[in-house]
């Protein structure tokens, strides 16, 4: 169920709060039942790709 809601946000930029309390902005690139593939451009203008477990996300907020 959760991944369906996240799938609807694929291609969107979102603010993610992780279980660790860290909040970052990422674009959702891909999602399956357990994992999210995220992308962002860091301060050095390098593309950062992360693959994280959905369970490690406390809150996800789409950015308009």
C-alpha atoms as a PDB file:
ATOM      1  CA  UNK A   1       0.000   0.000   0.000  1.00  0.00           C
ATOM      2  CA  UNK A   2       2.706   2.490   0.955  1.00  0.00           C
ATOM      3  CA  UNK A   3       4.697   1.807  -2.183  1.00  0.00           C
ATOM      4  CA  UNK A   4       1.581   2.570  -4.316  1.00  0.00           C
ATOM      5  CA  UNK A   5       1.356   6.014  -2.736  1.00  0.00           C
ATOM      6  CA  UNK A   6       5.082   6.529  -3.318  1.00  0.00           C
ATOM      7  CA  UNK A   7       4.828   5.222  -6.899  1.00  0.00           C
ATOM      8  CA  UNK A   8       2.385   8.052  -7.609  1.00  0.00           C
ATOM      9  CA  UNK A   9       5.198  10.464  -6.655  1.00  0.00           C
ATOM     10  CA  UNK A  10       7.831   9.009  -9.012  1.00  0.00           C
ATOM     11  CA  UNK A  11       9.610  11.830 -10.818  1.00  0.00           C
ATOM     12  CA  UNK A  12       8.669  14.309  -8.065  1.00  0.00           C
ATOM     13  CA  UNK A  13      10.987  16.130  -5.715  1.00  0.00           C
ATOM     14  CA  UNK A  14      10.223  15.373  -2.084  1.00  0.00           C
ATOM     15  CA  UNK A  15      11.534  16.231   1.326  1.00  0.00           C
ATOM     16  CA  UNK A  16      12.292  12.979   3.159  1.00  0.00           C
ATOM     17  CA  UNK A  17      12.767  12.622   6.890  1.00  0.00           C
ATOM     18  CA  UNK A  18      14.635   9.454   7.714  1.00  0.00           C
ATOM     19  CA  UNK A  19      14.336   7.427  10.941  1.00  0.00           C
ATOM     20  CA  UNK A  20      17.703   8.912  11.970  1.00  0.00           C
ATOM     21  CA  UNK A  21      16.049  12.372  12.025  1.00  0.00           C
ATOM     22  CA  UNK A  22      17.993  13.634   8.973  1.00  0.00           C
ATOM     23  CA  UNK A  23      15.865  15.551   6.450  1.00  0.00           C
ATOM     24  CA  UNK A  24      16.954  15.834   2.802  1.00  0.00           C
ATOM     25  CA  UNK A  25      15.405  16.740  -0.560  1.00  0.00           C
ATOM     26  CA  UNK A  26      15.489  14.075  -3.278  1.00  0.00           C
ATOM     27  CA  UNK A  27      13.763  13.180  -6.519  1.00  0.00           C
ATOM     28  CA  UNK A  28      12.075   9.774  -6.438  1.00  0.00           C
ATOM     29  CA  UNK A  29      13.518   7.855  -9.392  1.00  0.00           C
ATOM     30  CA  UNK A  30      12.128   4.351  -8.808  1.00  0.00           C
ATOM     31  CA  UNK A  31      10.258   2.361  -6.153  1.00  0.00           C
ATOM     32  CA  UNK A  32       9.333  -1.232  -5.423  1.00  0.00           C
ATOM     33  CA  UNK A  33       7.774  -2.975  -2.414  1.00  0.00           C
ATOM     34  CA  UNK A  34      10.777  -2.402  -0.126  1.00  0.00           C
ATOM     35  CA  UNK A  35      13.188   0.076  -1.732  1.00  0.00           C
ATOM     36  CA  UNK A  36      13.340   3.636  -3.071  1.00  0.00           C
ATOM     37  CA  UNK A  37      15.870   4.898  -5.598  1.00  0.00           C
ATOM     38  CA  UNK A  38      16.533   8.578  -4.937  1.00  0.00           C
ATOM     39  CA  UNK A  39      18.546  11.221  -6.769  1.00  0.00           C
ATOM     40  CA  UNK A  40      19.762  14.736  -6.039  1.00  0.00           C
ATOM     41  CA  UNK A  41      22.491  17.142  -7.113  1.00  0.00           C
ATOM     42  CA  UNK A  42      24.920  17.882  -4.275  1.00  0.00           C
ATOM     43  CA  UNK A  43      26.775  21.112  -3.506  1.00  0.00           C
ATOM     44  CA  UNK A  44      29.588  20.115  -5.895  1.00  0.00           C
ATOM     45  CA  UNK A  45      27.021  19.714  -8.708  1.00  0.00           C
ATOM     46  CA  UNK A  46      27.518  15.940  -8.656  1.00  0.00           C
ATOM     47  CA  UNK A  47      24.506  13.653  -8.982  1.00  0.00           C
ATOM     48  CA  UNK A  48      24.056  11.558  -5.859  1.00  0.00           C
ATOM     49  CA  UNK A  49      22.047   8.344  -6.154  1.00  0.00           C
ATOM     50  CA  UNK A  50      20.822   6.566  -3.022  1.00  0.00           C
ATOM     51  CA  UNK A  51      18.857   3.375  -2.627  1.00  0.00           C
ATOM     52  CA  UNK A  52      17.068   3.236   0.721  1.00  0.00           C
ATOM     53  CA  UNK A  53      14.556   0.972   2.388  1.00  0.00           C
ATOM     54  CA  UNK A  54      11.046   2.389   2.612  1.00  0.00           C
ATOM     55  CA  UNK A  55      11.047   1.359   6.292  1.00  0.00           C
ATOM     56  CA  UNK A  56      13.850   3.867   6.972  1.00  0.00           C
ATOM     57  CA  UNK A  57      11.631   6.830   6.017  1.00  0.00           C
ATOM     58  CA  UNK A  58       9.620   8.498   8.762  1.00  0.00           C
ATOM     59  CA  UNK A  59       7.959  11.184   6.612  1.00  0.00           C
ATOM     60  CA  UNK A  60       7.780  12.075   2.927  1.00  0.00           C
ATOM     61  CA  UNK A  61       6.565  15.503   1.790  1.00  0.00           C
ATOM     62  CA  UNK A  62       6.174  16.451  -1.905  1.00  0.00           C
ATOM     63  CA  UNK A  63       7.741  19.805  -2.838  1.00  0.00           C
ATOM     64  CA  UNK A  64       5.621  22.047  -5.046  1.00  0.00           C
END
